[in-house]
Protein backbone atom coordinates (compact mmCIF):
# COMPACT_ATOMS: atom_id res chain seq x y z
CA UNK A 1 55.38 45.45 -122.89
CA UNK A 2 51.80 46.17 -123.93
CA UNK A 3 49.77 44.97 -126.85
CA UNK A 4 50.25 46.56 -130.28
CA UNK A 5 47.55 49.07 -131.15
CA UNK A 6 47.33 47.56 -134.65
CA UNK A 7 46.78 44.10 -133.16
CA UNK A 8 44.11 45.45 -130.80
CA UNK A 9 42.21 47.25 -133.59
CA UNK A 10 42.41 44.13 -135.77
CA UNK A 11 41.11 41.91 -133.02
CA UNK A 12 38.20 44.27 -132.33
CA UNK A 13 37.42 44.38 -136.07
CA UNK A 14 37.50 40.58 -136.35
CA UNK A 15 35.29 40.05 -133.30
CA UNK A 16 32.70 42.60 -134.41
CA UNK A 17 32.58 41.34 -138.00
CA UNK A 18 32.07 37.76 -136.81
CA UNK A 19 29.45 38.80 -134.25
CA UNK A 20 27.51 40.57 -137.01
CA UNK A 21 27.73 37.49 -139.25
CA UNK A 22 29.64 39.21 -142.04
CA UNK A 23 32.29 37.62 -144.22
CA UNK A 24 35.53 39.39 -144.98
CA UNK A 25 34.34 39.75 -148.57
CA UNK A 26 31.09 41.42 -147.51
CA UNK A 27 32.89 43.91 -145.30
CA UNK A 28 35.51 44.56 -147.96
CA UNK A 29 32.80 45.35 -150.50
CA UNK A 30 31.15 47.75 -148.05
CA UNK A 31 34.34 49.78 -147.56
CA UNK A 32 35.85 49.49 -151.05
CA UNK A 33 38.84 47.18 -150.49
CA UNK A 34 39.66 43.57 -151.32
CA UNK A 35 38.96 40.89 -148.74
CA UNK A 36 42.71 40.29 -148.43
CA UNK A 37 43.05 43.79 -147.00
CA UNK A 38 40.45 43.00 -144.34
CA UNK A 39 42.53 39.90 -143.49
CA UNK A 40 45.62 42.08 -143.07
CA UNK A 41 43.74 44.53 -140.85
CA UNK A 42 42.35 41.74 -138.68
CA UNK A 43 45.72 40.13 -138.01
CA UNK A 44 47.44 43.48 -137.43
CA UNK A 45 49.70 43.14 -140.48
CA UNK A 46 48.40 46.41 -141.97
CA UNK A 47 47.72 49.63 -140.14
CA UNK A 48 44.19 50.99 -140.45
CA UNK A 49 44.22 54.63 -141.56
CA UNK A 50 41.89 57.13 -139.92
CA UNK A 51 39.72 57.37 -143.03
CA UNK A 52 39.49 53.59 -143.37
CA UNK A 53 38.69 53.22 -139.67
CA UNK A 54 35.88 55.73 -140.14
CA UNK A 55 34.56 53.75 -143.14
CA UNK A 56 34.73 50.49 -141.19
CA UNK A 57 32.93 52.01 -138.21
CA UNK A 58 30.24 53.42 -140.49
CA UNK A 59 29.78 50.12 -142.33
CA UNK A 60 29.60 48.19 -139.04
CA UNK A 61 27.39 50.84 -137.42
CA UNK A 62 29.59 51.48 -134.38
CA UNK A 63 31.35 54.63 -133.17
CA UNK A 64 35.04 54.85 -134.08
CA UNK A 65 35.82 54.69 -130.37
CA UNK A 66 34.51 51.12 -130.30
CA UNK A 67 37.80 49.92 -131.78
CA UNK A 68 39.82 51.52 -128.98
CA UNK A 69 37.78 50.15 -126.08
CA UNK A 70 39.89 48.02 -123.77
CA UNK A 71 43.15 49.48 -125.06
CA UNK A 72 45.36 49.92 -122.02
CA UNK A 73 47.85 52.67 -121.30
CA UNK A 74 50.63 50.12 -121.79
CA UNK A 75 49.76 49.71 -125.48
CA UNK A 76 52.49 50.33 -127.99
CA UNK A 77 52.66 51.46 -131.57
CA UNK A 78 53.83 48.77 -133.94
CA UNK A 79 57.09 49.47 -135.72
């Protein structure tokens, strides 16, 4: 069984945010959510909607496709 897409997106978000030296609160402010929501995205507990993924990509200055890099064909949707 493959990795959950939500987990993969969250991991990519976490890694990029840390690499850029941003706190969860700073990123949350940039995209208009509370830092707790960023926590939920990063651990895969909350799905990231298309519009929120776009906002995150814009705030972090990466293409939306960045979040899907390394996602294998065996990946599964979380229930």
